[in-house]
PDB file of N, CA and C in Angstrom:
ATOM      1  N   MET A   1    -137.784 -53.059 -52.123  1.00  0.00           N
ATOM      2  CA  MET A   1    -137.893 -54.205 -53.009  1.00  0.00           C
ATOM      3  C   MET A   1    -136.510 -54.844 -53.157  1.00  0.00           C
ATOM      4  N   GLN A   2    -136.472 -56.137 -53.004  1.00  0.00           N
ATOM      5  CA  GLN A   2    -135.204 -56.865 -53.071  1.00  0.00           C
ATOM      6  C   GLN A   2    -134.803 -57.104 -54.525  1.00  0.00           C
ATOM      7  N   GLN A   3    -133.530 -56.859 -54.819  1.00  0.00           N
ATOM      8  CA  GLN A   3    -133.017 -57.043 -56.169  1.00  0.00           C
ATOM      9  C   GLN A   3    -132.430 -58.445 -56.295  1.00  0.00           C
ATOM     10  N   THR A   4    -133.176 -59.355 -56.850  1.00  0.00           N
ATOM     11  CA  THR A   4    -132.687 -60.709 -57.060  1.00  0.00           C
ATOM     12  C   THR A   4    -131.982 -60.774 -58.410  1.00  0.00           C
ATOM     13  N   PRO A   5    -131.104 -61.769 -58.586  1.00  0.00           N
ATOM     14  CA  PRO A   5    -130.449 -61.906 -59.899  1.00  0.00           C
ATOM     15  C   PRO A   5    -131.440 -62.050 -61.050  1.00  0.00           C
ATOM     16  N   GLN A   6    -132.583 -62.675 -60.788  1.00  0.00           N
ATOM     17  CA  GLN A   6    -133.583 -62.844 -61.841  1.00  0.00           C
ATOM     18  C   GLN A   6    -134.151 -61.494 -62.276  1.00  0.00           C
ATOM     19  N   ARG A   7    -134.422 -60.622 -61.316  1.00  0.00           N
ATOM     20  CA  ARG A   7    -134.945 -59.296 -61.657  1.00  0.00           C
ATOM     21  C   ARG A   7    -133.903 -58.475 -62.403  1.00  0.00           C
ATOM     22  N   ILE A   8    -132.656 -58.614 -62.017  1.00  0.00           N
ATOM     23  CA  ILE A   8    -131.594 -57.878 -62.696  1.00  0.00           C
ATOM     24  C   ILE A   8    -131.473 -58.352 -64.140  1.00  0.00           C
ATOM     25  N   LYS A   9    -131.557 -59.667 -64.361  1.00  0.00           N
ATOM     26  CA  LYS A   9    -131.487 -60.192 -65.727  1.00  0.00           C
ATOM     27  C   LYS A   9    -132.693 -59.742 -66.550  1.00  0.00           C
ATOM     28  N   ASN A  10    -133.865 -59.670 -65.920  1.00  0.00           N
ATOM     29  CA  ASN A  10    -135.039 -59.172 -66.637  1.00  0.00           C
ATOM     30  C   ASN A  10    -134.875 -57.701 -66.999  1.00  0.00           C
ATOM     31  N   TYR A  11    -134.267 -56.921 -66.117  1.00  0.00           N
ATOM     32  CA  TYR A  11    -134.006 -55.521 -66.422  1.00  0.00           C
ATOM     33  C   TYR A  11    -133.012 -55.401 -67.578  1.00  0.00           C
ATOM     34  N   ILE A  12    -132.011 -56.268 -67.592  1.00  0.00           N
ATOM     35  CA  ILE A  12    -131.052 -56.269 -68.698  1.00  0.00           C
ATOM     36  C   ILE A  12    -131.761 -56.587 -70.014  1.00  0.00           C
ATOM     37  N   LEU A  13    -132.678 -57.552 -69.990  1.00  0.00           N
ATOM     38  CA  LEU A  13    -133.460 -57.870 -71.187  1.00  0.00           C
ATOM     39  C   LEU A  13    -134.258 -56.657 -71.656  1.00  0.00           C
ATOM     40  N   PHE A  14    -134.862 -55.964 -70.704  1.00  0.00           N
ATOM     41  CA  PHE A  14    -135.636 -54.778 -71.051  1.00  0.00           C
ATOM     42  C   PHE A  14    -134.752 -53.706 -71.675  1.00  0.00           C
ATOM     43  N   LYS A  15    -133.568 -53.493 -71.121  1.00  0.00           N
ATOM     44  CA  LYS A  15    -132.659 -52.492 -71.668  1.00  0.00           C
ATOM     45  C   LYS A  15    -132.177 -52.882 -73.063  1.00  0.00           C
ATOM     46  N   ILE A  16    -131.918 -54.178 -73.280  1.00  0.00           N
ATOM     47  CA  ILE A  16    -131.509 -54.639 -74.613  1.00  0.00           C
ATOM     48  C   ILE A  16    -132.626 -54.367 -75.617  1.00  0.00           C
ATOM     49  N   LEU A  17    -133.857 -54.621 -75.208  1.00  0.00           N
ATOM     50  CA  LEU A  17    -134.989 -54.395 -76.095  1.00  0.00           C
ATOM     51  C   LEU A  17    -135.134 -52.917 -76.442  1.00  0.00           C
ATOM     52  N   THR A  18    -134.988 -52.040 -75.452  1.00  0.00           N
ATOM     53  CA  THR A  18    -135.124 -50.612 -75.738  1.00  0.00           C
ATOM     54  C   THR A  18    -133.984 -50.093 -76.612  1.00  0.00           C
ATOM     55  N   LEU A  19    -132.757 -50.560 -76.350  1.00  0.00           N
ATOM     56  CA  LEU A  19    -131.638 -50.130 -77.193  1.00  0.00           C
ATOM     57  C   LEU A  19    -131.764 -50.682 -78.607  1.00  0.00           C
ATOM     58  N   LYS A  20    -132.276 -51.894 -78.721  1.00  0.00           N
ATOM     59  CA  LYS A  20    -132.466 -52.510 -80.034  1.00  0.00           C
ATOM     60  C   LYS A  20    -133.457 -51.701 -80.868  1.00  0.00           C
ATOM     61  N   ARG A  21    -134.519 -51.272 -80.243  1.00  0.00           N
ATOM     62  CA  ARG A  21    -135.520 -50.498 -80.969  1.00  0.00           C
ATOM     63  C   ARG A  21    -135.071 -49.062 -81.214  1.00  0.00           C
ATOM     64  N   LYS A  22    -134.365 -48.484 -80.258  1.00  0.00           N
ATOM     65  CA  LYS A  22    -133.932 -47.093 -80.395  1.00  0.00           C
ATOM     66  C   LYS A  22    -132.929 -46.923 -81.522  1.00  0.00           C
ATOM     67  N   TYR A  23    -131.974 -47.843 -81.616  1.00  0.00           N
ATOM     68  CA  TYR A  23    -130.918 -47.730 -82.621  1.00  0.00           C
ATOM     69  C   TYR A  23    -131.143 -48.620 -83.843  1.00  0.00           C
ATOM     70  N   LYS A  24    -132.280 -49.357 -83.875  1.00  0.00           N
ATOM     71  CA  LYS A  24    -132.631 -50.225 -85.001  1.00  0.00           C
ATOM     72  C   LYS A  24    -131.484 -51.171 -85.352  1.00  0.00           C
ATOM     73  N   THR A  25    -131.080 -51.974 -84.379  1.00  0.00           N
ATOM     74  CA  THR A  25    -129.953 -52.866 -84.544  1.00  0.00           C
ATOM     75  C   THR A  25    -130.313 -54.244 -83.985  1.00  0.00           C
ATOM     76  N   THR A  26    -129.362 -55.157 -84.012  1.00  0.00           N
ATOM     77  CA  THR A  26    -129.600 -56.506 -83.507  1.00  0.00           C
ATOM     78  C   THR A  26    -129.467 -56.534 -81.992  1.00  0.00           C
ATOM     79  N   SER A  27    -129.898 -57.634 -81.388  1.00  0.00           N
ATOM     80  CA  SER A  27    -129.819 -57.751 -79.936  1.00  0.00           C
ATOM     81  C   SER A  27    -128.361 -57.853 -79.479  1.00  0.00           C
ATOM     82  N   TRP A  28    -127.499 -58.459 -80.282  1.00  0.00           N
ATOM     83  CA  TRP A  28    -126.080 -58.549 -79.928  1.00  0.00           C
ATOM     84  C   TRP A  28    -125.445 -57.161 -79.886  1.00  0.00           C
ATOM     85  N   ASN A  29    -125.726 -56.344 -80.893  1.00  0.00           N
ATOM     86  CA  ASN A  29    -125.182 -54.988 -80.911  1.00  0.00           C
ATOM     87  C   ASN A  29    -125.774 -54.146 -79.787  1.00  0.00           C
ATOM     88  N   ALA A  30    -127.028 -54.377 -79.454  1.00  0.00           N
ATOM     89  CA  ALA A  30    -127.631 -53.663 -78.327  1.00  0.00           C
ATOM     90  C   ALA A  30    -126.966 -54.078 -77.014  1.00  0.00           C
ATOM     91  N   TRP A  31    -126.598 -55.355 -76.898  1.00  0.00           N
ATOM     92  CA  TRP A  31    -125.895 -55.820 -75.701  1.00  0.00           C
ATOM     93  C   TRP A  31    -124.525 -55.148 -75.568  1.00  0.00           C
ATOM     94  N   THR A  32    -123.772 -55.088 -76.659  1.00  0.00           N
ATOM     95  CA  THR A  32    -122.457 -54.456 -76.585  1.00  0.00           C
ATOM     96  C   THR A  32    -122.579 -52.963 -76.284  1.00  0.00           C
ATOM     97  N   ARG A  33    -123.607 -52.338 -76.788  1.00  0.00           N
ATOM     98  CA  ARG A  33    -123.843 -50.927 -76.469  1.00  0.00           C
ATOM     99  C   ARG A  33    -124.212 -50.779 -74.995  1.00  0.00           C
ATOM    100  N   PHE A  34    -124.984 -51.723 -74.473  1.00  0.00           N
ATOM    101  CA  PHE A  34    -125.383 -51.675 -73.063  1.00  0.00           C
ATOM    102  C   PHE A  34    -124.174 -51.863 -72.145  1.00  0.00           C
ATOM    103  N   THR A  35    -123.217 -52.693 -72.527  1.00  0.00           N
ATOM    104  CA  THR A  35    -122.038 -52.900 -71.682  1.00  0.00           C
ATOM    105  C   THR A  35    -121.170 -51.650 -71.599  1.00  0.00           C
ATOM    106  N   ARG A  36    -121.338 -50.730 -72.522  1.00  0.00           N
ATOM    107  CA  ARG A  36    -120.594 -49.473 -72.477  1.00  0.00           C
ATOM    108  C   ARG A  36    -121.369 -48.360 -71.780  1.00  0.00           C
ATOM    109  N   SER A  37    -122.585 -48.641 -71.314  1.00  0.00           N
ATOM    110  CA  SER A  37    -123.403 -47.603 -70.695  1.00  0.00           C
ATOM    111  C   SER A  37    -122.975 -47.350 -69.246  1.00  0.00           C
ATOM    112  N   LYS A  38    -123.509 -46.289 -68.661  1.00  0.00           N
ATOM    113  CA  LYS A  38    -123.155 -45.902 -67.299  1.00  0.00           C
ATOM    114  C   LYS A  38    -123.785 -46.823 -66.255  1.00  0.00           C
ATOM    115  N   GLU A  39    -124.940 -47.388 -66.558  1.00  0.00           N
ATOM    116  CA  GLU A  39    -125.625 -48.197 -65.554  1.00  0.00           C
ATOM    117  C   GLU A  39    -125.174 -49.657 -65.523  1.00  0.00           C
ATOM    118  N   TYR A  40    -124.373 -50.083 -66.481  1.00  0.00           N
ATOM    119  CA  TYR A  40    -123.893 -51.466 -66.503  1.00  0.00           C
ATOM    120  C   TYR A  40    -123.057 -51.826 -65.275  1.00  0.00           C
ATOM    121  N   PRO A  41    -122.099 -50.997 -64.839  1.00  0.00           N
ATOM    122  CA  PRO A  41    -121.338 -51.358 -63.636  1.00  0.00           C
ATOM    123  C   PRO A  41    -122.203 -51.500 -62.379  1.00  0.00           C
ATOM    124  N   LYS A  42    -123.229 -50.661 -62.262  1.00  0.00           N
ATOM    125  CA  LYS A  42    -124.129 -50.761 -61.107  1.00  0.00           C
ATOM    126  C   LYS A  42    -124.877 -52.091 -61.101  1.00  0.00           C
ATOM    127  N   LEU A  43    -125.335 -52.502 -62.288  1.00  0.00           N
ATOM    128  CA  LEU A  43    -126.074 -53.762 -62.373  1.00  0.00           C
ATOM    129  C   LEU A  43    -125.178 -54.971 -62.117  1.00  0.00           C
ATOM    130  N   VAL A  44    -123.934 -54.901 -62.563  1.00  0.00           N
ATOM    131  CA  VAL A  44    -122.998 -56.001 -62.317  1.00  0.00           C
ATOM    132  C   VAL A  44    -122.728 -56.130 -60.821  1.00  0.00           C
ATOM    133  N   LYS A  45    -122.582 -55.000 -60.146  1.00  0.00           N
ATOM    134  CA  LYS A  45    -122.369 -55.045 -58.696  1.00  0.00           C
ATOM    135  C   LYS A  45    -123.575 -55.609 -57.971  1.00  0.00           C
ATOM    136  N   LEU A  46    -124.782 -55.254 -58.436  1.00  0.00           N
ATOM    137  CA  LEU A  46    -125.992 -55.830 -57.838  1.00  0.00           C
ATOM    138  C   LEU A  46    -126.100 -57.324 -58.124  1.00  0.00           C
ATOM    139  N   LEU A  47    -125.691 -57.720 -59.303  1.00  0.00           N
ATOM    140  CA  LEU A  47    -125.786 -59.124 -59.694  1.00  0.00           C
ATOM    141  C   LEU A  47    -124.902 -60.016 -58.828  1.00  0.00           C
ATOM    142  N   TYR A  48    -123.713 -59.535 -58.483  1.00  0.00           N
ATOM    143  CA  TYR A  48    -122.774 -60.325 -57.679  1.00  0.00           C
ATOM    144  C   TYR A  48    -122.738 -59.884 -56.216  1.00  0.00           C
ATOM    145  N   LYS A  49    -123.777 -59.211 -55.766  1.00  0.00           N
ATOM    146  CA  LYS A  49    -123.820 -58.678 -54.405  1.00  0.00           C
ATOM    147  C   LYS A  49    -123.766 -59.783 -53.350  1.00  0.00           C
ATOM    148  N   ASN A  50    -124.451 -60.878 -53.564  1.00  0.00           N
ATOM    149  CA  ASN A  50    -124.550 -61.940 -52.558  1.00  0.00           C
ATOM    150  C   ASN A  50    -123.463 -62.998 -52.677  1.00  0.00           C
ATOM    151  N   ARG A  51    -122.548 -62.822 -53.554  1.00  0.00           N
ATOM    152  CA  ARG A  51    -121.478 -63.810 -53.744  1.00  0.00           C
ATOM    153  C   ARG A  51    -120.472 -63.703 -52.607  1.00  0.00           C
ATOM    154  N   LYS A  52    -120.068 -64.838 -52.061  1.00  0.00           N
ATOM    155  CA  LYS A  52    -119.158 -64.846 -50.909  1.00  0.00           C
ATOM    156  C   LYS A  52    -117.705 -64.788 -51.331  1.00  0.00           C
ATOM    157  N   LYS A  53    -117.283 -65.700 -52.198  1.00  0.00           N
ATOM    158  CA  LYS A  53    -115.876 -65.783 -52.594  1.00  0.00           C
ATOM    159  C   LYS A  53    -115.665 -65.147 -53.962  1.00  0.00           C
ATOM    160  N   GLY A  54    -114.595 -64.396 -54.083  1.00  0.00           N
ATOM    161  CA  GLY A  54    -114.199 -63.864 -55.375  1.00  0.00           C
ATOM    162  C   GLY A  54    -115.133 -62.831 -55.950  1.00  0.00           C
ATOM    163  N   LYS A  55    -115.822 -62.086 -55.096  1.00  0.00           N
ATOM    164  CA  LYS A  55    -116.785 -61.106 -55.585  1.00  0.00           C
ATOM    165  C   LYS A  55    -116.085 -60.004 -56.391  1.00  0.00           C
ATOM    166  N   ALA A  56    -115.023 -59.454 -55.850  1.00  0.00           N
ATOM    167  CA  ALA A  56    -114.309 -58.373 -56.550  1.00  0.00           C
ATOM    168  C   ALA A  56    -113.699 -58.870 -57.855  1.00  0.00           C
ATOM    169  N   TYR A  57    -113.216 -60.100 -57.843  1.00  0.00           N
ATOM    170  CA  TYR A  57    -112.622 -60.684 -59.050  1.00  0.00           C
ATOM    171  C   TYR A  57    -113.676 -60.837 -60.150  1.00  0.00           C
ATOM    172  N   MET A  58    -114.843 -61.354 -59.794  1.00  0.00           N
ATOM    173  CA  MET A  58    -115.901 -61.563 -60.785  1.00  0.00           C
ATOM    174  C   MET A  58    -116.430 -60.234 -61.318  1.00  0.00           C
ATOM    175  N   ILE A  59    -116.595 -59.267 -60.434  1.00  0.00           N
ATOM    176  CA  ILE A  59    -117.082 -57.958 -60.868  1.00  0.00           C
ATOM    177  C   ILE A  59    -116.073 -57.313 -61.818  1.00  0.00           C
ATOM    178  N   GLY A  60    -114.797 -57.395 -61.469  1.00  0.00           N
ATOM    179  CA  GLY A  60    -113.758 -56.830 -62.331  1.00  0.00           C
ATOM    180  C   GLY A  60    -113.719 -57.478 -63.701  1.00  0.00           C
ATOM    181  N   ARG A  61    -113.875 -58.794 -63.737  1.00  0.00           N
ATOM    182  CA  ARG A  61    -113.874 -59.490 -65.027  1.00  0.00           C
ATOM    183  C   ARG A  61    -115.087 -59.103 -65.866  1.00  0.00           C
ATOM    184  N   MET A  62    -116.259 -58.985 -65.234  1.00  0.00           N
ATOM    185  CA  MET A  62    -117.472 -58.630 -65.979  1.00  0.00           C
ATOM    186  C   MET A  62    -117.400 -57.206 -66.519  1.00  0.00           C
ATOM    187  N   LEU A  63    -116.663 -56.347 -65.832  1.00  0.00           N
ATOM    188  CA  LEU A  63    -116.597 -54.961 -66.279  1.00  0.00           C
ATOM    189  C   LEU A  63    -115.532 -54.727 -67.341  1.00  0.00           C
ATOM    190  N   LYS A  64    -114.450 -55.504 -67.331  1.00  0.00           N
ATOM    191  CA  LYS A  64    -113.317 -55.210 -68.208  1.00  0.00           C
ATOM    192  C   LYS A  64    -113.107 -56.202 -69.342  1.00  0.00           C
ATOM    193  N   ASP A  65    -113.417 -57.460 -69.129  1.00  0.00           N
ATOM    194  CA  ASP A  65    -113.095 -58.505 -70.100  1.00  0.00           C
ATOM    195  C   ASP A  65    -114.257 -58.717 -71.067  1.00  0.00           C
ATOM    196  N   LYS A  66    -114.039 -58.454 -72.348  1.00  0.00           N
ATOM    197  CA  LYS A  66    -115.084 -58.606 -73.370  1.00  0.00           C
ATOM    198  C   LYS A  66    -115.518 -60.059 -73.538  1.00  0.00           C
ATOM    199  N   ALA A  67    -114.577 -60.990 -73.396  1.00  0.00           N
ATOM    200  CA  ALA A  67    -114.921 -62.402 -73.551  1.00  0.00           C
ATOM    201  C   ALA A  67    -115.882 -62.854 -72.451  1.00  0.00           C
ATOM    202  N   VAL A  68    -115.683 -62.370 -71.246  1.00  0.00           N
ATOM    203  CA  VAL A  68    -116.572 -62.720 -70.136  1.00  0.00           C
ATOM    204  C   VAL A  68    -117.949 -62.112 -70.355  1.00  0.00           C
ATOM    205  N   GLN A  69    -117.996 -60.883 -70.851  1.00  0.00           N
ATOM    206  CA  GLN A  69    -119.280 -60.247 -71.151  1.00  0.00           C
ATOM    207  C   GLN A  69    -120.031 -61.015 -72.233  1.00  0.00           C
ATOM    208  N   ASN A  70    -119.308 -61.443 -73.267  1.00  0.00           N
ATOM    209  CA  ASN A  70    -119.941 -62.200 -74.344  1.00  0.00           C
ATOM    210  C   ASN A  70    -120.448 -63.551 -73.847  1.00  0.00           C
ATOM    211  N   GLN A  71    -119.668 -64.194 -72.987  1.00  0.00           N
ATOM    212  CA  GLN A  71    -120.090 -65.482 -72.448  1.00  0.00           C
ATOM    213  C   GLN A  71    -121.310 -65.322 -71.540  1.00  0.00           C
ATOM    214  N   PHE A  72    -121.368 -64.248 -70.773  1.00  0.00           N
ATOM    215  CA  PHE A  72    -122.540 -63.967 -69.944  1.00  0.00           C
ATOM    216  C   PHE A  72    -123.773 -63.792 -70.816  1.00  0.00           C
ATOM    217  N   TYR A  73    -123.621 -63.078 -71.930  1.00  0.00           N
ATOM    218  CA  TYR A  73    -124.740 -62.883 -72.852  1.00  0.00           C
ATOM    219  C   TYR A  73    -125.216 -64.225 -73.410  1.00  0.00           C
ATOM    220  N   LYS A  74    -124.271 -65.051 -73.835  1.00  0.00           N
ATOM    221  CA  LYS A  74    -124.647 -66.342 -74.418  1.00  0.00           C
ATOM    222  C   LYS A  74    -125.273 -67.269 -73.383  1.00  0.00           C
ATOM    223  N   ASP A  75    -124.711 -67.302 -72.173  1.00  0.00           N
ATOM    224  CA  ASP A  75    -125.193 -68.237 -71.160  1.00  0.00           C
ATOM    225  C   ASP A  75    -126.499 -67.802 -70.511  1.00  0.00           C
ATOM    226  N   ASN A  76    -126.664 -66.518 -70.264  1.00  0.00           N
ATOM    227  CA  ASN A  76    -127.802 -66.062 -69.484  1.00  0.00           C
ATOM    228  C   ASN A  76    -128.899 -65.410 -70.303  1.00  0.00           C
ATOM    229  N   ILE A  77    -128.529 -64.607 -71.266  1.00  0.00           N
ATOM    230  CA  ILE A  77    -129.541 -63.853 -72.002  1.00  0.00           C
ATOM    231  C   ILE A  77    -130.146 -64.691 -73.120  1.00  0.00           C
ATOM    232  N   THR A  78    -129.319 -65.257 -74.005  1.00  0.00           N
ATOM    233  CA  THR A  78    -129.890 -65.995 -75.136  1.00  0.00           C
ATOM    234  C   THR A  78    -130.531 -67.301 -74.699  1.00  0.00           C
ATOM    235  N   LYS A  79    -129.973 -67.990 -73.723  1.00  0.00           N
ATOM    236  CA  LYS A  79    -130.601 -69.226 -73.257  1.00  0.00           C
ATOM    237  C   LYS A  79    -131.930 -68.933 -72.591  1.00  0.00           C
ATOM    238  N   LYS A  80    -132.042 -67.818 -71.913  1.00  0.00           N
ATOM    239  CA  LYS A  80    -133.306 -67.433 -71.307  1.00  0.00           C
ATOM    240  C   LYS A  80    -134.328 -67.131 -72.390  1.00  0.00           C
ATOM    241  N   MET A  81    -133.863 -66.521 -73.497  1.00  0.00           N
ATOM    242  CA  MET A  81    -134.780 -66.185 -74.577  1.00  0.00           C
ATOM    243  C   MET A  81    -135.196 -67.423 -75.363  1.00  0.00           C
ATOM    244  N   LYS A  82    -134.286 -68.385 -75.523  1.00  0.00           N
ATOM    245  CA  LYS A  82    -134.594 -69.559 -76.324  1.00  0.00           C
ATOM    246  C   LYS A  82    -135.294 -70.645 -75.518  1.00  0.00           C
ATOM    247  N   GLY A  83    -135.389 -70.476 -74.224  1.00  0.00           N
ATOM    248  CA  GLY A  83    -135.944 -71.505 -73.358  1.00  0.00           C
ATOM    249  C   GLY A  83    -137.454 -71.598 -73.446  1.00  0.00           C
ATOM    250  N   LYS A  84    -138.024 -72.128 -72.385  1.00  0.00           N
ATOM    251  CA  LYS A  84    -139.466 -72.359 -72.344  1.00  0.00           C
ATOM    252  C   LYS A  84    -140.258 -71.060 -72.307  1.00  0.00           C
ATOM    253  N   SER A  85    -139.670 -70.019 -71.720  1.00  0.00           N
ATOM    254  CA  SER A  85    -140.394 -68.757 -71.558  1.00  0.00           C
ATOM    255  C   SER A  85    -140.181 -67.867 -72.773  1.00  0.00           C
ATOM    256  N   ARG A  86    -140.628 -68.306 -73.923  1.00  0.00           N
ATOM    257  CA  ARG A  86    -140.416 -67.579 -75.177  1.00  0.00           C
ATOM    258  C   ARG A  86    -141.638 -66.725 -75.524  1.00  0.00           C
ATOM    259  N   GLU A  87    -142.379 -66.260 -74.540  1.00  0.00           N
ATOM    260  CA  GLU A  87    -143.500 -65.383 -74.824  1.00  0.00           C
ATOM    261  C   GLU A  87    -143.269 -64.041 -74.136  1.00  0.00           C
ATOM    262  N   GLY A  88    -144.026 -63.061 -74.510  1.00  0.00           N
ATOM    263  CA  GLY A  88    -143.888 -61.739 -73.921  1.00  0.00           C
ATOM    264  C   GLY A  88    -142.626 -61.037 -74.382  1.00  0.00           C
ATOM    265  N   ILE A  89    -141.894 -60.480 -73.442  1.00  0.00           N
ATOM    266  CA  ILE A  89    -140.691 -59.704 -73.765  1.00  0.00           C
ATOM    267  C   ILE A  89    -139.599 -60.586 -74.348  1.00  0.00           C
ATOM    268  N   MET A  90    -139.577 -61.868 -73.983  1.00  0.00           N
ATOM    269  CA  MET A  90    -138.514 -62.752 -74.456  1.00  0.00           C
ATOM    270  C   MET A  90    -138.552 -62.927 -75.971  1.00  0.00           C
ATOM    271  N   SER A  91    -139.747 -62.959 -76.544  1.00  0.00           N
ATOM    272  CA  SER A  91    -139.842 -63.152 -77.988  1.00  0.00           C
ATOM    273  C   SER A  91    -139.420 -61.894 -78.750  1.00  0.00           C
ATOM    274  N   LEU A  92    -139.449 -60.750 -78.098  1.00  0.00           N
ATOM    275  CA  LEU A  92    -139.100 -59.503 -78.778  1.00  0.00           C
ATOM    276  C   LEU A  92    -137.605 -59.222 -78.765  1.00  0.00           C
ATOM    277  N   VAL A  93    -136.891 -59.747 -77.777  1.00  0.00           N
ATOM    278  CA  VAL A  93    -135.487 -59.378 -77.613  1.00  0.00           C
ATOM    279  C   VAL A  93    -134.596 -60.072 -78.637  1.00  0.00           C
ATOM    280  N   LEU A  94    -134.799 -61.352 -78.872  1.00  0.00           N
ATOM    281  CA  LEU A  94    -133.937 -62.106 -79.777  1.00  0.00           C
ATOM    282  C   LEU A  94    -134.187 -61.695 -81.225  1.00  0.00           C
ATOM    283  N   THR A  95    -133.129 -61.362 -81.930  1.00  0.00           N
ATOM    284  CA  THR A  95    -133.236 -60.941 -83.327  1.00  0.00           C
ATOM    285  C   THR A  95    -133.359 -62.164 -84.231  1.00  0.00           C
ATOM    286  N   PRO A  96    -134.375 -62.204 -85.094  1.00  0.00           N
ATOM    287  CA  PRO A  96    -134.471 -63.332 -86.029  1.00  0.00           C
ATOM    288  C   PRO A  96    -133.328 -63.303 -87.038  1.00  0.00           C
ATOM    289  N   PRO A  97    -132.890 -64.469 -87.509  1.00  0.00           N
ATOM    290  CA  PRO A  97    -131.754 -64.509 -88.446  1.00  0.00           C
ATOM    291  C   PRO A  97    -131.981 -63.733 -89.736  1.00  0.00           C
ATOM    292  N   THR A  98    -133.226 -63.542 -90.134  1.00  0.00           N
ATOM    293  CA  THR A  98    -133.482 -62.797 -91.367  1.00  0.00           C
ATOM    294  C   THR A  98    -133.175 -61.311 -91.219  1.00  0.00           C
ATOM    295  N   GLN A  99    -133.081 -60.821 -89.971  1.00  0.00           N
ATOM    296  CA  GLN A  99    -132.827 -59.400 -89.742  1.00  0.00           C
ATOM    297  C   GLN A  99    -131.402 -59.122 -89.282  1.00  0.00           C
ATOM    298  N   PHE A 100    -130.501 -60.103 -89.399  1.00  0.00           N
ATOM    299  CA  PHE A 100    -129.112 -59.872 -89.022  1.00  0.00           C
ATOM    300  C   PHE A 100    -128.497 -58.825 -89.925  1.00  0.00           C
ATOM    301  N   ILE A 101    -127.598 -58.043 -89.364  1.00  0.00           N
ATOM    302  CA  ILE A 101    -126.894 -57.013 -90.136  1.00  0.00           C
ATOM    303  C   ILE A 101    -125.599 -57.635 -90.631  1.00  0.00           C
ATOM    304  N   ARG A 102    -125.459 -57.693 -91.949  1.00  0.00           N
ATOM    305  CA  ARG A 102    -124.252 -58.254 -92.529  1.00  0.00           C
ATOM    306  C   ARG A 102    -123.469 -57.128 -93.193  1.00  0.00           C
ATOM    307  N   ARG A 103    -122.225 -57.002 -92.768  1.00  0.00           N
ATOM    308  CA  ARG A 103    -121.383 -55.952 -93.306  1.00  0.00           C
ATOM    309  C   ARG A 103    -120.204 -56.575 -94.032  1.00  0.00           C
ATOM    310  N   LYS A 104    -119.808 -55.950 -95.132  1.00  0.00           N
ATOM    311  CA  LYS A 104    -118.640 -56.438 -95.861  1.00  0.00           C
ATOM    312  C   LYS A 104    -117.390 -56.015 -95.123  1.00  0.00           C
ATOM    313  N   LYS A 105    -116.382 -56.871 -95.182  1.00  0.00           N
ATOM    314  CA  LYS A 105    -115.124 -56.572 -94.522  1.00  0.00           C
ATOM    315  C   LYS A 105    -114.239 -55.746 -95.411  1.00  0.00           C
TER     316      LYS A 105
END
C-alpha cells in the first residue's frame, strides 16, 4: 500500500484523537505529546519522502523546531478539520472552545 501525504495526515489525525481521549486533554496538547512520541520521526520522513529539493532540511526542521511543528499543525491539521470535511473523525479531533483547559500562571 502506497503511503501518500493524505494518508499520513489522516493517520496523524487518528493519533491525535486517540491521545486526546487517552489523556483527556485538548487536541493541541495531544499534538505536542504526539511530536514527542517515537513514531513521529518515521511519519515525518514518510511525509517528505517524495520531496526533491531540501528534503533533509525540511525533515530536520520538522523534527527539531517547535515553531515549524506548530505551523504544520495550524496549516494542515486544523484547516483540514475546519474545512468542508467536518464529518466523521474530523469533527471529533478539534476541541470545542468550551472544553479548553485554562491554567493560571
